[in-house]
Amino acid sequence: RAHQTVRTPHTHTPPPQGISQLQIYLEHLAQIEEATLRQHECIEGLRERQLQIKEKKLNELIKAQKLKEQQHKKREEVADSLSGMDQKCLPVFQPQKDILTFLENFELSVKELDVDESLWLGLLHTQ
């Protein structure tokens, strides 16, 4: 939206002659002032809206970051529990680090990690 500049009244209103014209001139000034105020209110409203949008985006980013951290923590817990199991179950990945990398490579979400442990063993056994 293009910014409308409010011109000074002299450019389109002749200088007042007599009382009635002075009155018209003052009414005209009042209208310009009112229009300017409305414009400022509009601009303020837009600014507030932009701030709300920015705040919302920031909150979404923070939520996403927290979720990422939770997923990472969950992966580490699963990796820890898997590395503690009998080593012959895990012939491919022995060190805990490998399991962690394996889990991260497959970008498992928190939901996917809440599976039965026997399923995990089956999954790892077929690798």
Protein backbone atom coordinates (compact mmCIF):
# COMPACT_ATOMS: atom_id res chain seq x y z
CA ARG A 1 0.00 0.00 0.00
CA ALA A 2 1.42 3.37 -1.01
CA HIS A 3 1.85 5.92 1.73
CA GLN A 4 -0.51 8.83 1.25
CA THR A 5 1.06 12.10 2.22
CA VAL A 6 -1.26 14.67 3.66
CA ARG A 7 -0.52 17.99 1.97
CA THR A 8 -0.80 21.26 3.81
CA PRO A 9 -4.22 22.82 3.24
CA HIS A 10 -2.78 25.90 1.52
CA THR A 11 -2.14 23.91 -1.64
CA HIS A 12 -5.80 23.17 -2.34
CA THR A 13 -7.74 25.66 -0.20
CA PRO A 14 -7.53 29.36 -0.93
CA PRO A 15 -6.78 31.63 2.04
CA PRO A 16 -10.01 32.45 3.90
CA GLN A 17 -12.06 35.53 2.97
CA GLY A 18 -14.84 36.34 5.39
CA ILE A 19 -16.36 34.32 8.23
CA SER A 20 -18.12 31.62 6.17
CA GLN A 21 -14.96 30.82 4.27
CA LEU A 22 -12.94 30.73 7.47
CA GLN A 23 -15.46 28.20 8.78
CA ILE A 24 -15.13 26.06 5.63
CA TYR A 25 -11.35 26.31 5.93
CA LEU A 26 -11.41 25.17 9.58
CA GLU A 27 -13.77 22.28 8.78
CA HIS A 28 -11.42 21.27 6.00
CA LEU A 29 -8.49 21.32 8.42
CA ALA A 30 -10.47 19.22 10.89
CA GLN A 31 -11.22 16.65 8.17
CA ILE A 32 -7.55 16.45 7.23
CA GLU A 33 -6.59 16.01 10.87
CA GLU A 34 -9.19 13.26 11.30
CA ALA A 35 -7.98 11.47 8.18
CA THR A 36 -4.40 11.70 9.42
CA LEU A 37 -5.39 10.26 12.79
CA ARG A 38 -7.22 7.38 11.11
CA GLN A 39 -4.14 6.70 9.00
CA HIS A 40 -1.94 6.60 12.08
CA GLU A 41 -4.37 4.22 13.79
CA CYS A 42 -4.24 1.99 10.72
CA ILE A 43 -0.45 2.02 10.73
CA GLU A 44 -0.39 1.24 14.47
CA GLY A 45 -2.79 -1.65 13.90
CA LEU A 46 -0.56 -3.04 11.17
CA ARG A 47 2.52 -2.72 13.38
CA GLU A 48 0.78 -4.59 16.20
CA ARG A 49 -0.32 -7.33 13.79
CA GLN A 50 3.25 -7.70 12.50
CA LEU A 51 4.55 -7.98 16.05
CA GLN A 52 1.98 -10.68 16.85
CA ILE A 53 2.98 -12.62 13.75
CA LYS A 54 6.68 -12.34 14.64
CA GLU A 55 5.97 -13.48 18.20
CA LYS A 56 3.93 -16.45 16.93
CA LYS A 57 6.73 -17.50 14.56
CA LEU A 58 9.28 -17.22 17.34
CA ASN A 59 7.13 -19.40 19.64
CA GLU A 60 6.78 -22.00 16.87
CA LEU A 61 10.56 -22.04 16.39
CA ILE A 62 11.10 -22.52 20.13
CA LYS A 63 8.57 -25.40 20.18
CA ALA A 64 10.26 -27.05 17.20
CA GLN A 65 13.66 -26.73 18.88
CA LYS A 66 12.36 -28.27 22.12
CA LEU A 67 10.81 -31.15 20.20
CA LYS A 68 14.11 -31.73 18.39
CA GLU A 69 15.95 -31.84 21.72
CA GLN A 70 13.39 -34.28 23.16
CA GLN A 71 13.77 -36.54 20.12
CA HIS A 72 17.54 -36.48 20.45
CA LYS A 73 17.32 -37.31 24.17
CA LYS A 74 14.90 -40.16 23.43
CA ARG A 75 17.26 -41.53 20.77
CA GLU A 76 20.14 -41.44 23.24
CA GLU A 77 18.03 -43.30 25.82
CA VAL A 78 17.12 -45.99 23.28
CA ALA A 79 20.73 -46.24 22.16
CA ASP A 80 21.87 -46.58 25.78
CA SER A 81 19.35 -49.32 26.52
CA LEU A 82 20.26 -51.17 23.32
CA SER A 83 24.00 -50.97 23.92
CA GLY A 84 23.51 -52.44 27.39
CA MET A 85 21.89 -55.60 25.99
CA ASP A 86 23.56 -58.90 25.31
CA GLN A 87 26.25 -58.24 22.71
CA LYS A 88 25.39 -61.27 20.55
CA CYS A 89 22.02 -59.63 19.80
CA LEU A 90 23.83 -56.75 18.17
CA PRO A 91 26.50 -58.20 15.91
CA VAL A 92 26.49 -55.21 13.55
CA PHE A 93 26.54 -52.29 15.96
CA GLN A 94 28.51 -52.74 19.12
CA PRO A 95 29.43 -49.29 20.38
CA GLN A 96 26.66 -47.07 21.65
CA LYS A 97 27.80 -44.37 19.21
CA ASP A 98 26.97 -46.54 16.18
CA ILE A 99 23.44 -47.14 17.41
CA LEU A 100 22.96 -43.45 18.03
CA THR A 101 24.15 -42.68 14.51
CA PHE A 102 21.89 -45.41 13.15
CA LEU A 103 18.88 -43.94 14.94
CA GLU A 104 19.71 -40.41 13.84
CA ASN A 105 20.19 -41.44 10.23
CA PHE A 106 16.67 -42.76 10.14
CA GLU A 107 15.33 -39.57 11.78
CA LEU A 108 13.02 -41.48 14.06
CA SER A 109 10.40 -39.34 15.69
CA VAL A 110 9.43 -39.56 19.36
CA LYS A 111 6.32 -41.52 18.40
CA GLU A 112 8.27 -44.08 16.42
CA LEU A 113 10.65 -44.58 19.32
CA ASP A 114 7.84 -45.63 21.66
CA VAL A 115 7.78 -49.16 20.26
CA ASP A 116 8.01 -52.49 21.97
CA GLU A 117 11.63 -53.43 22.71
CA SER A 118 11.27 -56.87 21.12
CA LEU A 119 10.35 -55.14 17.86
CA TRP A 120 13.59 -53.20 18.13
CA LEU A 121 15.57 -56.37 18.61
CA GLY A 122 13.85 -57.94 15.61
CA LEU A 123 14.57 -54.86 13.53
CA LEU A 124 18.23 -54.79 14.51
CA HIS A 125 18.56 -58.55 14.09
CA THR A 126 17.42 -58.43 10.46
CA GLN A 127 19.92 -55.72 9.50
